[in-house]
Amino acid sequence: MRMNTTYTSYVAVGDSFTEGMSDGLPDGSYRGWADLLAARLAARTPGFRYANLAVRGKLIGQIVDEQADPAAAMGADLVTLVGGLNDVLRPKCDVEQVCGLLEDAAGRLAPSCKQLVLMRSPGRRGPVLGRFLPRMEELFSFIDGLAARHGAIVVDLFASEALGDQRMWAEDRLHLNAEGHRRVAEAVWQALGHEPEADWNAPLPPAVQPGWAARRASDARFAREHLGPWIGRRLTGRSSGDGRPPKRAELLPYEG
């Protein structure tokens, strides 16, 4: 286990995974793993500050252009960088270019912080994931080398059978649900050297397979509410994050 380090500030950089979609709050905002991690760190450190620059739908080039320099300028102790998965899940993708952009982002962020954290992002197990697996493995292999070059921590979420379970994912089948975000926060917490508060990779109990009618109803709802709009955005070149500001654009005191 790594030495436990005190972090007085934290900046999260990335896309919807880090923005923390699916666990909605009453005010319409979202609380994801980065927010949960920040809350834990804040509970231990008076005056703790937190910014989350992540915006849903962002490709790695947009993350580099829009988030990397502002995050570096904040000079936070801890920075998490997760991106590139939106790129590799598209029909056409130059994985080598994606890796080069990740290298650019890490090169800007690592010198500005005490600790950079990278991730092998989790994936919902199923036939769709299998189509993109070679790209993802290429990306993740590059991330391992990138971490070694910059002294970063890599949190391997993709290897987790529990996080790949469909029950950890929201109805849109693209984003983690509340339990999934809780487990990711715990995984990063432990990777930073803190004492475990739970087993983030604990196996789930055997799944109870829903009946045929329930599965068809779920598929129809998914197609109507999520798949259709997603296809529409792809056909028109739009993104769910177009015009959307970061959820916490400034490094401000945070109490969780």
Protein backbone atom coordinates (compact mmCIF):
# COMPACT_ATOMS: atom_id res chain seq x y z
CA MET A 1 0.00 0.00 0.00
CA ARG A 2 1.20 3.52 -0.78
CA MET A 3 2.07 5.93 2.00
CA ASN A 4 -0.91 7.94 3.20
CA THR A 5 -0.42 11.53 1.99
CA THR A 6 -2.44 14.54 3.08
CA TYR A 7 -4.01 16.35 0.14
CA THR A 8 -5.30 19.86 0.68
CA SER A 9 -6.78 20.32 -2.80
CA TYR A 10 -8.08 18.19 -5.64
CA VAL A 11 -8.94 18.82 -9.30
CA ALA A 12 -10.84 16.26 -11.40
CA VAL A 13 -10.40 16.29 -15.19
CA GLY A 14 -12.37 14.24 -17.70
CA ASP A 15 -15.75 13.43 -19.23
CA SER A 16 -19.10 12.11 -17.94
CA PHE A 17 -17.43 9.34 -15.93
CA THR A 18 -15.74 11.95 -13.75
CA GLU A 19 -18.58 14.45 -13.89
CA GLY A 20 -20.48 11.72 -12.11
CA MET A 21 -23.70 11.21 -13.99
CA SER A 22 -26.60 8.94 -13.01
CA ASP A 23 -26.72 9.56 -9.24
CA GLY A 24 -28.98 12.58 -9.35
CA LEU A 25 -29.42 15.03 -6.50
CA PRO A 26 -32.64 16.96 -5.75
CA ASP A 27 -31.26 20.12 -7.41
CA GLY A 28 -30.71 18.25 -10.70
CA SER A 29 -26.94 17.97 -10.30
CA TYR A 30 -24.97 14.75 -10.06
CA ARG A 31 -22.75 13.23 -7.39
CA GLY A 32 -20.14 10.85 -8.73
CA TRP A 33 -17.02 9.10 -7.50
CA ALA A 34 -14.90 12.29 -7.70
CA ASP A 35 -17.37 14.14 -5.48
CA LEU A 36 -17.44 11.25 -3.00
CA LEU A 37 -13.64 11.13 -2.94
CA ALA A 38 -13.45 14.89 -2.40
CA ALA A 39 -15.90 14.63 0.49
CA ARG A 40 -13.74 12.00 2.19
CA LEU A 41 -10.58 14.03 1.74
CA ALA A 42 -12.34 17.18 2.98
CA ALA A 43 -13.44 15.39 6.15
CA ARG A 44 -9.78 14.88 7.04
CA THR A 45 -8.35 18.23 5.97
CA PRO A 46 -9.63 21.63 7.17
CA GLY A 47 -9.83 24.14 4.34
CA PHE A 48 -9.80 21.44 1.67
CA ARG A 49 -10.54 22.75 -1.84
CA TYR A 50 -12.06 20.93 -4.80
CA ALA A 51 -12.72 21.62 -8.49
CA ASN A 52 -14.30 19.31 -11.04
CA LEU A 53 -13.73 20.43 -14.63
CA ALA A 54 -15.18 17.30 -16.22
CA VAL A 55 -17.98 17.67 -18.78
CA ARG A 56 -20.04 14.86 -20.28
CA GLY A 57 -19.42 13.82 -23.87
CA LYS A 58 -15.94 15.32 -24.11
CA LEU A 59 -13.35 13.67 -26.35
CA ILE A 60 -9.72 13.59 -25.26
CA GLY A 61 -8.80 16.45 -27.60
CA GLN A 62 -11.43 18.64 -25.97
CA ILE A 63 -10.23 17.64 -22.51
CA VAL A 64 -6.70 18.71 -23.45
CA ASP A 65 -7.85 21.98 -25.02
CA GLU A 66 -10.42 22.98 -22.42
CA GLN A 67 -9.39 21.42 -19.11
CA ALA A 68 -5.68 20.57 -18.93
CA ASP A 69 -4.22 24.08 -18.71
CA PRO A 70 -6.88 25.48 -16.31
CA ALA A 71 -6.38 22.43 -14.07
CA ALA A 72 -2.60 22.80 -14.13
CA ALA A 73 -2.88 26.50 -13.29
CA MET A 74 -4.80 25.64 -10.13
CA GLY A 75 -1.75 23.87 -8.69
CA ALA A 76 -3.78 21.33 -6.75
CA ASP A 77 -2.06 18.61 -4.71
CA LEU A 78 -4.10 15.85 -6.34
CA VAL A 79 -5.31 15.58 -9.95
CA THR A 80 -7.30 12.76 -11.55
CA LEU A 81 -7.23 12.46 -15.35
CA VAL A 82 -9.63 10.07 -17.06
CA GLY A 83 -10.35 10.39 -20.77
CA GLY A 84 -10.14 8.72 -24.15
CA LEU A 85 -12.90 6.16 -23.71
CA ASN A 86 -15.44 8.29 -25.58
CA ASP A 87 -12.97 8.30 -28.47
CA VAL A 88 -12.32 4.56 -28.62
CA LEU A 89 -16.04 3.75 -28.44
CA ARG A 90 -16.71 5.66 -31.67
CA PRO A 91 -16.94 3.76 -34.98
CA LYS A 92 -13.74 5.38 -36.24
CA CYS A 93 -10.86 6.11 -33.92
CA ASP A 94 -7.13 6.68 -34.23
CA VAL A 95 -5.99 5.11 -30.96
CA GLU A 96 -2.43 6.29 -31.48
CA GLN A 97 -3.67 9.87 -31.70
CA VAL A 98 -5.78 9.41 -28.56
CA CYS A 99 -2.70 8.14 -26.72
CA GLY A 100 -0.68 11.11 -27.92
CA LEU A 101 -3.29 13.51 -26.56
CA LEU A 102 -3.33 11.70 -23.23
CA GLU A 103 0.45 12.08 -23.14
CA ASP A 104 0.00 15.80 -23.76
CA ALA A 105 -2.52 16.13 -20.93
CA ALA A 106 -0.40 14.17 -18.45
CA GLY A 107 2.66 16.22 -19.43
CA ARG A 108 0.84 19.41 -18.52
CA LEU A 109 -0.75 18.12 -15.32
CA ALA A 110 1.92 15.97 -13.65
CA PRO A 111 4.42 18.80 -12.99
CA SER A 112 1.70 20.96 -11.45
CA CYS A 113 0.54 18.55 -8.75
CA LYS A 114 1.79 16.35 -5.94
CA GLN A 115 0.04 13.26 -7.32
CA LEU A 116 -1.53 12.46 -10.70
CA VAL A 117 -4.02 9.58 -10.86
CA LEU A 118 -4.92 7.77 -14.09
CA MET A 119 -7.42 4.95 -14.60
CA ARG A 120 -8.25 1.91 -16.61
CA SER A 121 -11.93 2.83 -16.90
CA PRO A 122 -14.58 0.23 -16.04
CA GLY A 123 -16.69 -1.37 -18.75
CA ARG A 124 -20.17 -2.86 -18.67
CA ARG A 125 -19.75 -6.49 -19.67
CA GLY A 126 -21.67 -7.52 -22.77
CA PRO A 127 -21.45 -7.96 -26.55
CA VAL A 128 -21.04 -4.24 -27.25
CA LEU A 129 -17.92 -4.05 -25.07
CA GLY A 130 -16.35 -6.98 -26.91
CA ARG A 131 -16.37 -5.07 -30.20
CA PHE A 132 -14.13 -2.35 -28.78
CA LEU A 133 -11.96 -4.48 -26.52
CA PRO A 134 -8.79 -4.41 -28.70
CA ARG A 135 -8.85 -0.60 -28.75
CA MET A 136 -9.45 -0.41 -25.02
CA GLU A 137 -6.59 -2.79 -24.29
CA GLU A 138 -4.27 -0.71 -26.46
CA LEU A 139 -5.34 2.44 -24.63
CA PHE A 140 -4.94 0.86 -21.20
CA SER A 141 -1.52 -0.51 -22.03
CA PHE A 142 -0.43 2.99 -23.01
CA ILE A 143 -1.84 4.38 -19.76
CA ASP A 144 0.36 1.97 -17.77
CA GLY A 145 3.46 3.28 -19.53
CA LEU A 146 2.27 6.87 -19.22
CA ALA A 147 1.93 6.45 -15.47
CA ALA A 148 5.44 5.03 -15.18
CA ARG A 149 6.87 8.02 -17.05
CA HIS A 150 5.08 10.59 -14.88
CA GLY A 151 5.04 8.90 -11.47
CA ALA A 152 1.26 8.57 -11.62
CA ILE A 153 -0.99 6.05 -9.90
CA VAL A 154 -3.10 3.78 -12.12
CA VAL A 155 -6.37 2.50 -10.67
CA ASP A 156 -7.37 -0.62 -12.60
CA LEU A 157 -11.16 -0.59 -12.64
CA PHE A 158 -11.55 -2.49 -15.89
CA ALA A 159 -10.24 -5.72 -14.35
CA SER A 160 -13.01 -5.65 -11.74
CA GLU A 161 -15.69 -8.25 -12.37
CA ALA A 162 -17.95 -6.46 -9.91
CA LEU A 163 -17.78 -3.12 -11.74
CA GLY A 164 -18.41 -4.91 -15.03
CA ASP A 165 -21.66 -6.35 -13.68
CA GLN A 166 -24.74 -4.84 -15.33
CA ARG A 167 -26.19 -4.11 -11.89
CA MET A 168 -23.50 -1.46 -11.36
CA TRP A 169 -24.71 0.55 -14.34
CA ALA A 170 -27.53 3.04 -14.78
CA GLU A 171 -30.48 2.61 -17.10
CA ASP A 172 -28.62 4.36 -19.93
CA ARG A 173 -26.06 1.48 -19.85
CA LEU A 174 -23.26 4.01 -20.33
CA HIS A 175 -22.75 5.41 -16.83
CA LEU A 176 -22.26 3.90 -13.40
CA ASN A 177 -25.08 4.01 -10.87
CA ALA A 178 -24.71 5.20 -7.27
CA GLU A 179 -23.19 1.93 -6.06
CA GLY A 180 -20.73 1.91 -8.95
CA HIS A 181 -19.58 5.44 -8.13
CA ARG A 182 -19.24 4.52 -4.46
CA ARG A 183 -16.97 1.62 -5.35
CA VAL A 184 -14.79 3.71 -7.65
CA ALA A 185 -14.35 6.33 -4.92
CA GLU A 186 -13.28 3.57 -2.54
CA ALA A 187 -10.84 2.17 -5.12
CA VAL A 188 -9.15 5.55 -5.58
CA TRP A 189 -9.18 6.15 -1.82
CA GLN A 190 -7.27 2.93 -1.25
CA ALA A 191 -4.88 3.59 -4.17
CA LEU A 192 -3.93 6.86 -2.44
CA GLY A 193 -2.83 4.85 0.60
CA HIS A 194 -5.82 5.29 2.90
CA GLU A 195 -7.16 2.53 5.08
CA PRO A 196 -9.96 0.58 3.36
CA GLU A 197 -13.48 1.43 4.43
CA ALA A 198 -15.03 -1.33 2.30
CA ASP A 199 -14.12 -3.97 -0.28
CA TRP A 200 -14.70 -2.03 -3.50
CA ASN A 201 -14.22 -5.18 -5.59
CA ALA A 202 -16.47 -7.45 -3.52
CA PRO A 203 -18.42 -9.90 -5.72
CA LEU A 204 -22.13 -9.29 -6.10
CA PRO A 205 -24.63 -11.97 -5.09
CA PRO A 206 -25.90 -14.20 -7.89
CA ALA A 207 -28.13 -12.25 -10.25
CA VAL A 208 -31.83 -13.02 -10.49
CA GLN A 209 -32.63 -13.08 -14.19
CA PRO A 210 -35.76 -11.02 -14.98
CA GLY A 211 -38.47 -12.58 -17.07
CA TRP A 212 -38.80 -12.19 -20.84
CA ALA A 213 -41.44 -9.45 -20.62
CA ALA A 214 -39.40 -7.42 -18.13
CA ARG A 215 -36.28 -7.66 -20.31
CA ARG A 216 -38.17 -6.56 -23.43
CA ALA A 217 -39.74 -3.65 -21.56
CA SER A 218 -36.30 -2.59 -20.28
CA ASP A 219 -34.81 -2.80 -23.78
CA ALA A 220 -37.65 -0.75 -25.23
CA ARG A 221 -37.28 1.93 -22.55
CA PHE A 222 -33.51 2.04 -23.10
CA ALA A 223 -33.94 2.44 -26.86
CA ARG A 224 -36.55 5.19 -26.47
CA GLU A 225 -34.95 7.22 -23.68
CA HIS A 226 -31.23 6.72 -24.28
CA LEU A 227 -30.18 4.94 -27.47
CA GLY A 228 -32.35 7.00 -29.81
CA PRO A 229 -31.17 10.38 -28.51
CA TRP A 230 -27.54 9.15 -28.53
CA ILE A 231 -27.82 8.11 -32.19
CA GLY A 232 -29.46 11.44 -33.01
CA ARG A 233 -26.56 13.36 -31.51
CA ARG A 234 -24.04 11.28 -33.44
CA LEU A 235 -25.86 11.84 -36.74
CA THR A 236 -25.99 15.59 -36.20
CA GLY A 237 -22.49 15.99 -34.78
CA ARG A 238 -23.76 17.16 -31.41
CA SER A 239 -22.59 16.19 -27.93
CA SER A 240 -24.45 15.95 -24.63
CA GLY A 241 -21.85 18.35 -23.23
CA ASP A 242 -22.19 21.09 -25.85
CA GLY A 243 -22.48 24.45 -24.11
CA ARG A 244 -22.35 22.87 -20.66
CA PRO A 245 -19.96 24.41 -18.10
CA PRO A 246 -17.92 22.34 -15.63
CA LYS A 247 -19.76 21.41 -12.45
CA ARG A 248 -17.10 23.08 -10.24
CA ALA A 249 -15.02 25.37 -12.42
CA GLU A 250 -13.04 26.93 -9.54
CA LEU A 251 -10.87 25.44 -6.82
CA LEU A 252 -13.00 26.39 -3.84
CA PRO A 253 -13.45 25.18 -0.26
CA TYR A 254 -15.47 21.98 -0.11
CA GLU A 255 -17.11 20.23 2.79
CA GLY A 256 -18.90 17.49 0.88
